[in-house]
Protein backbone atom coordinates (compact mmCIF):
# COMPACT_ATOMS: atom_id res chain seq x y z
CA MET A 1 -112.24 67.72 255.56
CA GLU A 2 -114.86 69.35 257.73
CA GLN A 3 -114.82 66.33 260.00
CA ARG A 4 -111.02 66.63 260.31
CA LEU A 5 -111.23 70.31 261.34
CA VAL A 6 -113.73 69.50 264.04
CA SER A 7 -111.51 66.74 265.34
CA ASP A 8 -108.45 69.05 265.39
CA SER A 9 -110.47 71.67 267.26
CA ILE A 10 -111.42 69.19 269.93
CA GLU A 11 -107.83 68.03 270.29
CA ARG A 12 -106.61 71.61 270.72
CA ARG A 13 -109.22 72.50 273.38
CA VAL A 14 -107.63 74.27 276.35
CA THR A 15 -108.28 72.55 279.65
CA VAL A 16 -108.37 73.76 283.25
CA ALA A 17 -105.08 71.90 283.75
CA ASP A 18 -103.49 73.88 280.89
CA VAL A 19 -104.59 77.18 282.43
CA ALA A 20 -103.41 76.13 285.90
CA ALA A 21 -99.97 75.12 284.57
CA GLU A 22 -99.46 78.40 282.71
CA ALA A 23 -100.71 80.54 285.61
CA GLY A 24 -98.64 78.59 288.13
CA VAL A 25 -101.62 77.74 290.34
CA SER A 26 -103.65 74.64 291.20
CA ARG A 27 -106.58 73.41 289.15
CA ALA A 28 -108.80 73.99 292.17
CA THR A 29 -107.86 77.70 292.13
CA VAL A 30 -108.73 77.98 288.43
CA SER A 31 -112.06 76.27 289.14
CA LYS A 32 -112.78 78.80 291.87
CA VAL A 33 -112.27 81.66 289.42
CA LEU A 34 -114.46 79.97 286.81
CA ASN A 35 -117.18 79.42 289.41
CA GLY A 36 -117.06 83.01 290.66
CA ARG A 37 -115.79 82.08 294.12
CA SER A 38 -114.55 84.97 296.27
CA ASP A 39 -111.79 83.12 298.16
CA VAL A 40 -109.06 83.87 295.57
CA ALA A 41 -106.48 86.64 295.98
CA PRO A 42 -107.18 89.57 293.59
CA ALA A 43 -103.73 89.36 291.96
CA THR A 44 -104.13 85.61 291.40
CA ARG A 45 -107.60 86.12 289.94
CA VAL A 46 -106.30 88.73 287.45
CA GLN A 47 -103.45 86.41 286.45
CA ILE A 48 -105.79 83.45 285.86
CA GLU A 49 -108.33 85.55 283.93
CA ALA A 50 -105.54 86.83 281.67
CA VAL A 51 -104.47 83.25 280.86
CA LEU A 52 -108.09 82.24 280.22
CA VAL A 53 -108.39 85.04 277.65
CA THR A 54 -105.02 84.57 275.93
CA ARG A 55 -105.43 80.81 275.68
CA GLY A 56 -109.03 81.09 274.52
CA TYR A 57 -110.43 78.79 277.18
CA VAL A 58 -113.97 77.60 276.42
CA PRO A 59 -115.84 75.93 279.30
CA THR A 60 -116.78 72.34 278.63
CA LYS A 61 -120.53 71.92 278.28
CA ARG A 62 -121.76 69.67 281.00
CA THR A 63 -124.64 67.34 280.51
CA LYS A 64 -127.52 68.37 282.69
CA ARG A 65 -127.78 66.19 285.73
CA PRO A 66 -131.13 64.76 286.63
CA VAL A 67 -132.64 66.09 289.83
CA VAL A 68 -131.79 62.89 291.67
CA ALA A 69 -128.08 63.62 291.20
CA VAL A 70 -128.28 66.21 293.97
CA ARG A 71 -128.44 63.59 296.65
CA ARG A 72 -130.24 64.24 299.91
CA GLY A 73 -130.30 62.17 303.05
CA GLY A 74 -127.76 59.59 304.17
CA LEU A 75 -125.07 59.85 306.81
CA MET A 76 -121.91 61.85 307.42
CA GLU A 77 -119.26 60.33 309.70
CA MET A 78 -117.42 62.42 312.32
CA LEU A 79 -114.37 60.63 313.65
CA PHE A 80 -112.86 61.79 316.97
CA ASN A 81 -110.12 60.65 319.30
CA ASP A 82 -112.17 62.01 322.21
CA PRO A 83 -115.75 63.23 321.57
CA SER A 84 -116.36 64.17 325.22
CA THR A 85 -114.58 67.56 325.25
CA PRO A 86 -116.29 70.98 324.99
CA TRP A 87 -114.43 71.50 321.71
CA ALA A 88 -115.92 68.29 320.30
CA ALA A 89 -119.42 69.30 321.44
CA GLU A 90 -119.14 72.57 319.48
CA MET A 91 -117.78 70.69 316.48
CA ILE A 92 -120.73 68.29 316.50
CA ARG A 93 -123.20 71.17 316.83
CA GLY A 94 -121.76 72.96 313.81
CA ALA A 95 -121.79 69.81 311.69
CA GLU A 96 -125.40 68.98 312.57
CA GLU A 97 -126.61 72.48 311.75
CA ALA A 98 -124.94 72.40 308.33
CA ALA A 99 -126.17 68.88 307.56
CA ARG A 100 -129.78 69.52 308.54
CA SER A 101 -130.82 71.31 305.35
CA ALA A 102 -129.55 68.38 303.27
CA ARG A 103 -131.35 65.93 305.59
CA VAL A 104 -128.04 64.29 306.36
CA GLY A 105 -127.49 62.60 309.70
CA ILE A 106 -124.25 62.95 311.65
CA VAL A 107 -122.74 59.80 313.14
CA VAL A 108 -120.09 60.35 315.82
CA SER A 109 -117.52 57.59 316.17
CA VAL A 110 -114.21 57.14 317.98
CA LEU A 111 -110.89 56.18 316.45
CA ASP A 112 -110.04 53.39 318.86
CA GLN A 113 -106.76 51.67 318.04
CA ALA A 114 -107.50 48.98 320.63
CA ARG A 115 -110.39 47.74 318.46
CA GLY A 116 -108.07 46.97 315.56
CA GLN A 117 -109.91 47.03 312.24
CA GLN A 118 -113.38 47.00 313.81
CA TRP A 119 -113.79 50.79 313.79
CA LEU A 120 -113.01 50.84 310.08
CA GLU A 121 -115.47 48.02 309.34
CA ASP A 122 -118.17 49.86 311.27
CA ILE A 123 -117.69 52.96 309.10
CA ALA A 124 -117.75 50.86 305.92
CA ASP A 125 -121.02 49.22 306.99
CA ARG A 126 -122.67 52.63 307.39
CA SER A 127 -121.63 53.75 303.86
CA PRO A 128 -121.29 57.44 304.83
CA ARG A 129 -121.37 60.21 302.24
CA GLY A 130 -118.18 61.66 303.69
CA ILE A 131 -115.86 61.51 306.69
CA ILE A 132 -114.95 64.50 308.86
CA LEU A 133 -111.70 63.70 310.63
CA ALA A 134 -111.89 65.72 313.84
CA LEU A 135 -108.74 64.10 315.12
CA SER A 136 -105.84 65.26 317.23
CA GLU A 137 -103.54 62.94 315.29
CA LEU A 138 -103.81 60.94 312.09
CA THR A 139 -101.11 58.34 311.54
CA ALA A 140 -99.98 57.27 308.10
CA ALA A 141 -101.49 53.84 308.75
CA ASP A 142 -104.86 55.35 309.71
CA HIS A 143 -104.76 57.51 306.60
CA LYS A 144 -104.22 54.48 304.38
CA ARG A 145 -107.09 52.62 306.04
CA ILE A 146 -109.45 55.54 305.55
CA GLU A 147 -108.28 55.99 301.96
CA LYS A 148 -109.21 52.36 301.20
CA LEU A 149 -112.84 53.13 302.07
CA GLY A 150 -113.10 55.24 298.91
CA VAL A 151 -115.12 57.88 300.81
CA PRO A 152 -114.20 61.59 300.52
CA ALA A 153 -112.63 62.89 303.73
CA ILE A 154 -111.61 66.23 305.18
CA LEU A 155 -109.51 66.95 308.25
CA VAL A 156 -110.98 69.50 310.66
CA ASP A 157 -107.85 70.51 312.32
CA PRO A 158 -107.56 73.08 315.09
CA VAL A 159 -105.06 70.78 316.81
CA GLY A 160 -102.51 70.16 314.11
CA ASP A 161 -101.89 69.37 310.49
CA SER A 162 -100.53 66.07 309.30
CA ASP A 163 -98.81 65.71 305.94
CA THR A 164 -101.45 63.29 304.70
CA GLY A 165 -102.64 64.82 301.44
CA ILE A 166 -106.15 65.09 302.90
CA PRO A 167 -107.64 68.60 302.62
CA SER A 168 -107.84 70.31 306.01
CA ILE A 169 -109.65 73.22 307.62
CA GLY A 170 -108.15 74.93 310.66
CA ALA A 171 -107.84 78.15 312.63
CA GLY A 172 -105.13 80.81 312.94
CA ASN A 173 -103.32 79.47 315.99
CA TRP A 174 -100.19 81.62 315.74
CA GLY A 175 -102.19 84.83 315.33
CA GLY A 176 -104.45 83.83 318.20
CA GLY A 177 -101.46 83.31 320.49
CA MET A 178 -100.18 86.74 319.52
CA ALA A 179 -103.55 88.42 320.17
CA ALA A 180 -103.90 86.85 323.63
CA THR A 181 -100.38 87.85 324.67
CA GLN A 182 -100.60 91.37 323.23
CA HIS A 183 -103.85 91.97 325.14
CA LEU A 184 -102.10 91.15 328.42
CA ILE A 185 -99.10 93.32 327.54
CA ASP A 186 -101.44 96.21 326.73
CA LEU A 187 -102.89 95.83 330.22
CA GLY A 188 -99.43 96.34 331.72
CA HIS A 189 -98.50 92.70 332.40
CA ARG A 190 -94.89 91.67 331.90
CA ARG A 191 -94.66 88.38 333.83
CA ILE A 192 -97.06 86.41 331.66
CA GLY A 193 -97.25 82.67 332.17
CA MET A 194 -98.44 80.17 329.60
CA ILE A 195 -99.94 76.69 329.85
CA THR A 196 -99.55 75.05 326.45
CA GLY A 197 -101.33 72.11 324.87
CA PRO A 198 -99.49 68.87 324.01
CA MET A 199 -96.37 69.91 322.14
CA ARG A 200 -96.68 67.11 319.58
CA PHE A 201 -99.65 69.07 318.16
CA LEU A 202 -98.77 71.79 315.70
CA CYS A 203 -101.50 74.03 317.11
CA SER A 204 -99.80 73.96 320.52
CA GLN A 205 -96.48 74.85 318.93
CA ALA A 206 -98.09 77.69 316.96
CA ARG A 207 -99.88 79.21 320.00
CA LEU A 208 -96.65 79.07 322.01
CA ALA A 209 -94.73 80.60 319.10
CA GLY A 210 -97.27 83.44 318.92
CA TYR A 211 -96.86 84.04 322.65
CA ARG A 212 -93.06 84.15 322.42
CA ALA A 213 -93.01 86.30 319.29
CA THR A 214 -95.26 88.89 320.92
CA LEU A 215 -93.11 89.06 324.05
CA GLU A 216 -90.01 89.52 321.91
CA ARG A 217 -91.68 92.24 319.82
CA ALA A 218 -92.55 94.09 323.03
CA GLY A 219 -88.96 93.86 324.29
CA ILE A 220 -89.87 91.40 327.06
CA THR A 221 -87.39 88.59 327.67
CA ALA A 222 -89.22 85.27 327.56
CA ASP A 223 -88.90 83.40 330.85
CA ASP A 224 -89.05 79.65 330.24
CA THR A 225 -89.88 79.06 333.92
CA LEU A 226 -93.25 80.69 333.22
CA VAL A 227 -94.15 78.14 330.52
CA GLU A 228 -95.76 74.84 331.52
CA HIS A 229 -96.71 72.12 329.05
CA GLY A 230 -100.24 70.84 329.50
CA ASP A 231 -102.58 68.39 327.78
CA PHE A 232 -105.66 70.54 327.06
CA HIS A 233 -107.59 69.12 330.05
CA TYR A 234 -108.99 70.86 333.15
CA SER A 235 -106.81 68.93 335.61
CA SER A 236 -103.71 69.97 333.68
CA GLY A 237 -104.65 73.66 333.88
CA HIS A 238 -105.32 73.35 337.61
CA LYS A 239 -102.09 71.52 338.47
CA LEU A 240 -99.81 73.67 336.30
CA ALA A 241 -101.39 76.94 337.42
CA LEU A 242 -100.66 75.97 341.04
CA ALA A 243 -97.03 75.40 340.05
CA LEU A 244 -96.86 78.84 338.40
CA LEU A 245 -98.56 80.59 341.34
CA ASP A 246 -96.12 78.98 343.77
CA ARG A 247 -93.06 80.37 341.99
CA PRO A 248 -90.93 82.84 344.02
CA GLU A 249 -91.93 85.43 341.42
CA PRO A 250 -95.33 84.27 340.15
CA PRO A 251 -96.89 85.56 336.94
CA THR A 252 -99.45 88.35 337.04
CA ALA A 253 -101.29 86.80 334.09
CA ILE A 254 -101.64 83.35 332.49
CA PHE A 255 -102.48 82.51 328.90
CA ALA A 256 -103.95 78.99 328.75
CA ALA A 257 -103.86 77.30 325.36
CA ASN A 258 -107.52 76.28 325.60
CA ASP A 259 -110.58 77.22 327.66
CA GLU A 260 -110.74 73.94 329.55
CA GLN A 261 -107.27 74.54 330.98
CA ALA A 262 -108.19 78.18 331.68
CA LEU A 263 -111.03 76.96 333.90
CA GLY A 264 -108.49 74.82 335.74
CA VAL A 265 -106.49 78.02 336.30
CA TYR A 266 -109.60 79.57 337.91
CA ALA A 267 -109.74 76.66 340.36
CA ALA A 268 -106.05 77.06 341.24
CA VAL A 269 -106.51 80.80 341.87
CA GLN A 270 -109.40 80.11 344.22
CA GLN A 271 -107.45 77.35 345.98
CA ARG A 272 -104.67 79.82 346.75
CA GLY A 273 -107.14 82.34 348.19
CA LEU A 274 -106.75 84.70 345.24
CA ARG A 275 -109.15 86.26 342.75
CA VAL A 276 -109.48 86.60 338.98
CA PRO A 277 -108.67 89.20 337.66
CA ASP A 278 -107.60 91.18 340.78
CA ASP A 279 -104.67 88.87 341.53
CA LEU A 280 -104.29 87.10 338.19
CA SER A 281 -105.55 87.87 334.70
CA VAL A 282 -106.49 84.80 332.65
CA VAL A 283 -106.92 84.32 328.90
CA GLY A 284 -108.11 81.11 327.25
CA PHE A 285 -108.40 79.85 323.68
CA ASP A 286 -111.49 78.40 321.86
CA ASP A 287 -114.48 80.36 323.22
CA VAL A 288 -116.57 77.32 324.06
CA PRO A 289 -120.01 78.23 325.52
CA MET A 290 -119.01 77.62 329.15
CA SER A 291 -116.38 80.38 328.91
CA GLN A 292 -119.25 82.89 329.17
CA TRP A 293 -120.89 81.17 332.13
CA VAL A 294 -118.02 81.23 334.64
CA THR A 295 -117.46 84.11 337.06
CA PRO A 296 -115.90 86.30 335.86
CA PRO A 297 -116.59 85.47 332.21
CA LEU A 298 -113.43 84.32 330.47
CA THR A 299 -111.44 86.49 328.08
CA THR A 300 -110.49 84.11 325.28
CA VAL A 301 -109.42 83.72 321.68
CA ARG A 302 -112.42 82.64 319.66
CA GLN A 303 -111.73 80.08 317.03
CA PRO A 304 -114.78 79.35 314.88
CA ILE A 305 -115.20 75.74 316.00
CA ALA A 306 -118.78 75.25 314.80
CA GLU A 307 -118.01 77.08 311.55
CA LEU A 308 -115.04 74.77 310.89
CA ALA A 309 -117.30 71.72 311.12
CA ALA A 310 -120.07 73.35 309.08
CA LEU A 311 -117.61 74.23 306.32
CA ALA A 312 -116.35 70.65 306.31
CA VAL A 313 -119.90 69.33 305.85
CA ARG A 314 -120.69 71.81 303.06
CA THR A 315 -117.40 71.02 301.30
CA LEU A 316 -118.09 67.27 301.31
CA LEU A 317 -121.67 67.73 300.10
CA ALA A 318 -120.57 70.12 297.34
CA HIS A 319 -117.94 67.61 296.25
CA GLN A 320 -120.65 65.03 295.65
CA ASP A 321 -122.40 67.57 293.44
CA GLY A 322 -119.33 67.93 291.24
CA THR A 323 -117.21 70.58 292.99
CA GLU A 324 -113.52 69.75 293.33
CA MET A 325 -112.22 69.19 296.84
CA PRO A 326 -109.93 72.00 298.03
CA GLU A 327 -106.20 71.42 298.11
CA GLY A 328 -104.01 71.87 301.19
CA ARG A 329 -105.21 73.77 304.23
CA LEU A 330 -107.93 76.39 304.49
CA GLU A 331 -107.47 78.60 307.54
CA LEU A 332 -110.22 80.62 309.24
CA SER A 333 -109.28 83.60 311.38
CA THR A 334 -109.44 83.79 315.17
CA LYS A 335 -110.63 86.76 317.24
CA LEU A 336 -109.88 87.96 320.75
CA VAL A 337 -113.03 88.23 322.91
CA VAL A 338 -112.43 90.44 325.94
CA ARG A 339 -114.52 89.68 329.03
CA GLY A 340 -114.03 90.00 332.76
CA SER A 341 -111.05 87.73 333.46
CA THR A 342 -108.40 90.28 332.45
CA ALA A 343 -107.63 93.67 333.98
CA GLN A 344 -105.00 96.39 334.18
CA LEU A 345 -102.03 95.34 336.29
CA ALA A 346 -102.60 98.33 338.60
CA ARG A 347 -105.87 96.77 339.78
CA ARG A 348 -104.12 93.83 341.42
CA ARG A 349 -104.31 93.56 345.18
CA THR A 350 -101.15 93.51 347.29
CA ARG A 351 -100.45 89.91 348.25
């Protein structure tokens, strides 16, 4: 009889899944509450804790892991479409700093479709502890190939979010676009041009949407002739800024969707015999190190590029120590950094 009662008790044990279902949240969110994590909304935390109490949840005793279970060393793969950009350099720096304490090496590789399956075989040969997908795009076919490796992966995603089921970490692109545009409006600018990123990327769409929403909120009619679609590269910023400056009614300010394009705007301003910010205010997006080195230093929207990569590394390492991978997208906030490339409209010289 006693044996039967024990068996019934085990069968009736409340699980994390039971609590998640009753609270209407994910199992990962319940785990965060159980582990004392702070990244849970207060109302959600109260709701989960109430269910834990009413259902009588008892944490499962875990067998102590031997010390060797906390693995150190090995490799972490970072997969890029283009690792040569300033954004990629910051991403690599953040990953290396986070991996150093665990004595993990970072291997940078390129997703090269022209090499067929070879890139995938190279990753498999290295047996990485995790894969950070710092990619502008991830096709369904690529996702399936990576999934077959059986290696945990996370998408570090300032440039878009694919519906892949892979957890992703990104930045607040829409809010950043709003902050950049509002700053220029506050300085008195009304003819504000924008050079977007590639419009197939969700981040480009979100930054443009933030720009348009802020104009509308300020009662400024959006002028589509002041919007040029770029590709995130310097040459694009240069060429499209020249086109904007040569309009019959040129903009008094330009918001470039990344810092590299903003530096191309600087070159266009100089080519036309003008000056930043006297003749044109310029705002970028990213806050890569070189944005502080140009003259004048660039006003930009800082997205925490290095922190995104560091968080990806820590998440993958924690997963190997038993922590569940996050679900969906985790978004870090952006921040406007005001420097010398923007000024009150009244300061502009007469052309």
